Amino acid sequence: MQRETTRVGQEVFFGRPNGEQTRGVVKKCNPKSAKVETLESRGSGRVRPAGQVWKVPYSLMTPADGTPDVECVVSVPEPIGLKLRYSKWQTGAEVHILDAILDTFGSLSPENLACDGEASMTYVRTRGAELRSRLRALFSALGRPVTESEIYEWDNQRREAEKVAV
């Protein structure tokens, strides 16, 4: 499994490929591993009772139902019923917030975040966390989350409107 296909509440089997497989429920998704609560006892010598929480790498988990998941918990949820559209009558503050969101999504692209491979992993992780925090604050200021595709479409509409105005 991968982090992107894992969600909280999902039932999984975990353990080494040729070892004991234990059924559990994902309680938390972290960058490198997930916290999984066991639904059955684990072990043969020192038996661990059900209900314990284990830190499990994603590579050692498989979905319990056997079907691969396609839901992604990392991405921003699609706003329901609201489409971001460019309008020349948008207020100045809203346009500035949307510009900042556009800039932040651009800064989060892998080549920009890693400085084309020149930056250290510590810098990449720290800068990525700062940018994601900035994005959450901007979503809060705007009043709703905006997807990356939605903000780029908004920018394209704005550019087209500026071409027509000239």
Protein backbone atom coordinates (compact mmCIF):
# COMPACT_ATOMS: atom_id res chain seq x y z
CA MET A 1 0.00 0.00 0.00
CA GLN A 2 0.95 3.64 -0.29
CA ARG A 3 0.21 6.60 1.94
CA GLU A 4 -1.96 8.16 -0.74
CA THR A 5 -4.25 5.12 -0.87
CA THR A 6 -4.56 4.67 2.89
CA ARG A 7 -7.36 6.27 4.89
CA VAL A 8 -8.28 6.41 8.57
CA GLY A 9 -10.81 3.70 9.46
CA GLN A 10 -9.67 1.36 6.69
CA GLU A 11 -9.25 -2.33 7.60
CA VAL A 12 -5.85 -3.74 6.66
CA PHE A 13 -3.65 -6.77 7.16
CA PHE A 14 -0.12 -6.00 8.32
CA GLY A 15 3.05 -7.98 8.85
CA ARG A 16 6.05 -9.27 6.90
CA PRO A 17 5.24 -10.90 3.54
CA ASN A 18 6.28 -14.37 4.74
CA GLY A 19 5.35 -13.80 8.38
CA GLU A 20 2.25 -13.44 10.49
CA GLN A 21 -0.52 -11.29 9.02
CA THR A 22 -2.74 -9.47 11.53
CA ARG A 23 -6.03 -7.69 10.83
CA GLY A 24 -6.22 -4.10 12.05
CA VAL A 25 -7.81 -0.69 11.55
CA VAL A 26 -5.83 2.39 10.50
CA LYS A 27 -6.11 5.04 13.23
CA LYS A 28 -3.68 7.67 11.92
CA CYS A 29 -1.68 8.25 8.73
CA ASN A 30 1.82 9.67 9.14
CA PRO A 31 4.37 10.41 6.38
CA LYS A 32 6.30 7.13 6.67
CA SER A 33 3.98 4.81 8.61
CA ALA A 34 0.46 4.44 9.93
CA LYS A 35 -0.84 3.77 13.42
CA VAL A 36 -2.86 0.54 13.22
CA GLU A 37 -5.03 -0.85 16.03
CA THR A 38 -5.14 -4.66 16.00
CA LEU A 39 -8.51 -6.41 15.73
CA GLU A 40 -7.06 -9.78 16.76
CA SER A 41 -4.25 -11.02 18.96
CA ARG A 42 -0.76 -11.10 17.46
CA GLY A 43 2.20 -13.34 18.17
CA SER A 44 2.86 -16.95 19.12
CA GLY A 45 5.29 -16.76 22.03
CA ARG A 46 4.58 -13.38 23.57
CA VAL A 47 0.98 -12.90 22.51
CA ARG A 48 -0.16 -9.31 22.15
CA PRO A 49 -3.90 -8.90 22.80
CA ALA A 50 -6.26 -7.24 20.34
CA GLY A 51 -6.67 -3.48 20.68
CA GLN A 52 -3.00 -2.55 20.77
CA VAL A 53 -1.72 0.17 18.43
CA TRP A 54 1.24 -0.62 16.19
CA LYS A 55 3.35 1.73 14.06
CA VAL A 56 3.36 0.01 10.65
CA PRO A 57 5.18 1.09 7.45
CA TYR A 58 2.85 1.36 4.45
CA SER A 59 4.92 -1.24 2.58
CA LEU A 60 3.90 -3.89 5.15
CA MET A 61 0.14 -3.29 4.84
CA THR A 62 -2.46 -4.65 2.43
CA PRO A 63 -6.17 -3.76 2.26
CA ALA A 64 -8.29 -6.28 4.17
CA ASP A 65 -11.01 -6.40 1.52
CA GLY A 66 -8.49 -7.19 -1.23
CA THR A 67 -9.47 -4.28 -3.44
CA PRO A 68 -7.08 -1.39 -3.91
CA ASP A 69 -8.28 1.93 -2.58
CA VAL A 70 -8.36 5.01 -4.76
CA GLU A 71 -9.33 7.56 -2.12
CA CYS A 72 -6.55 9.99 -1.29
CA VAL A 73 -6.43 11.59 2.15
CA VAL A 74 -3.57 13.90 1.27
CA SER A 75 -5.35 15.96 -1.38
CA VAL A 76 -7.68 18.85 -0.67
CA PRO A 77 -11.35 17.82 -0.82
CA GLU A 78 -13.32 19.08 -3.80
CA PRO A 79 -15.71 21.84 -2.71
CA ILE A 80 -19.32 20.72 -3.10
CA GLY A 81 -21.41 22.77 -5.51
CA LEU A 82 -18.99 25.70 -5.63
CA LYS A 83 -16.89 26.39 -8.70
CA LEU A 84 -14.25 29.06 -8.56
CA ARG A 85 -14.78 31.42 -11.47
CA TYR A 86 -12.85 34.55 -12.35
CA SER A 87 -14.83 37.77 -12.38
CA LYS A 88 -13.54 41.29 -12.86
CA TRP A 89 -15.81 42.29 -9.97
CA GLN A 90 -14.07 40.08 -7.40
CA THR A 91 -12.96 42.10 -4.41
CA GLY A 92 -9.31 43.07 -4.04
CA ALA A 93 -8.80 40.98 -0.91
CA GLU A 94 -10.23 37.85 -2.54
CA VAL A 95 -8.02 38.28 -5.60
CA HIS A 96 -4.93 38.73 -3.38
CA ILE A 97 -5.80 35.57 -1.42
CA LEU A 98 -6.32 33.59 -4.64
CA ASP A 99 -3.01 34.92 -6.02
CA ALA A 100 -1.27 33.79 -2.82
CA ILE A 101 -2.90 30.33 -3.12
CA LEU A 102 -1.73 30.11 -6.75
CA ASP A 103 1.80 31.10 -5.71
CA THR A 104 1.82 28.57 -2.85
CA PHE A 105 0.66 25.70 -5.08
CA GLY A 106 3.43 26.65 -7.52
CA SER A 107 6.00 26.66 -4.72
CA LEU A 108 4.82 23.20 -3.63
CA SER A 109 5.65 21.65 -7.01
CA PRO A 110 8.46 19.11 -6.56
CA GLU A 111 11.01 20.88 -8.75
CA ASN A 112 10.48 24.20 -6.96
CA LEU A 113 10.33 22.68 -3.48
CA ALA A 114 13.53 20.67 -3.98
CA CYS A 115 15.30 23.45 -5.91
CA ASP A 116 15.71 21.03 -8.86
CA GLY A 117 17.33 18.46 -6.58
CA GLU A 118 19.84 20.82 -5.01
CA ALA A 119 18.11 21.24 -1.61
CA SER A 120 18.63 18.91 1.34
CA MET A 121 15.79 16.66 2.47
CA THR A 122 15.61 18.56 5.76
CA TYR A 123 15.04 21.80 3.88
CA VAL A 124 12.46 20.18 1.58
CA ARG A 125 10.47 18.76 4.52
CA THR A 126 10.63 22.00 6.51
CA ARG A 127 9.73 24.21 3.54
CA GLY A 128 6.93 21.84 2.49
CA ALA A 129 5.42 21.96 5.98
CA GLU A 130 5.62 25.77 5.99
CA LEU A 131 3.92 26.00 2.59
CA ARG A 132 1.14 23.55 3.55
CA SER A 133 0.54 25.56 6.72
CA ARG A 134 0.38 28.74 4.64
CA LEU A 135 -2.11 27.04 2.32
CA ARG A 136 -4.39 26.08 5.24
CA ALA A 137 -4.29 29.68 6.51
CA LEU A 138 -5.17 30.99 3.04
CA PHE A 139 -8.06 28.53 2.76
CA SER A 140 -9.28 29.78 6.12
CA ALA A 141 -9.02 33.41 4.99
CA LEU A 142 -10.90 32.60 1.79
CA GLY A 143 -13.53 30.62 3.66
CA ARG A 144 -13.17 27.35 1.78
CA PRO A 145 -10.51 25.03 0.34
CA VAL A 146 -9.53 25.34 -3.31
CA THR A 147 -8.06 22.52 -5.37
CA GLU A 148 -4.91 22.97 -7.40
CA SER A 149 -6.72 22.41 -10.71
CA GLU A 150 -9.41 24.89 -9.69
CA ILE A 151 -6.91 27.67 -8.93
CA TYR A 152 -5.01 27.10 -12.19
CA GLU A 153 -8.31 27.23 -14.12
CA TRP A 154 -9.13 30.50 -12.31
CA ASP A 155 -5.74 31.91 -13.34
CA ASN A 156 -6.32 30.88 -16.98
CA GLN A 157 -9.73 32.60 -16.93
CA ARG A 158 -8.13 35.74 -15.50
CA ARG A 159 -5.42 35.75 -18.20
CA GLU A 160 -8.06 35.31 -20.93
CA ALA A 161 -10.12 38.18 -19.50
CA GLU A 162 -7.03 40.41 -19.44
CA LYS A 163 -6.31 39.58 -23.11
CA VAL A 164 -9.87 40.53 -24.09
CA ALA A 165 -9.69 43.80 -22.13
CA VAL A 166 -6.56 44.92 -23.99
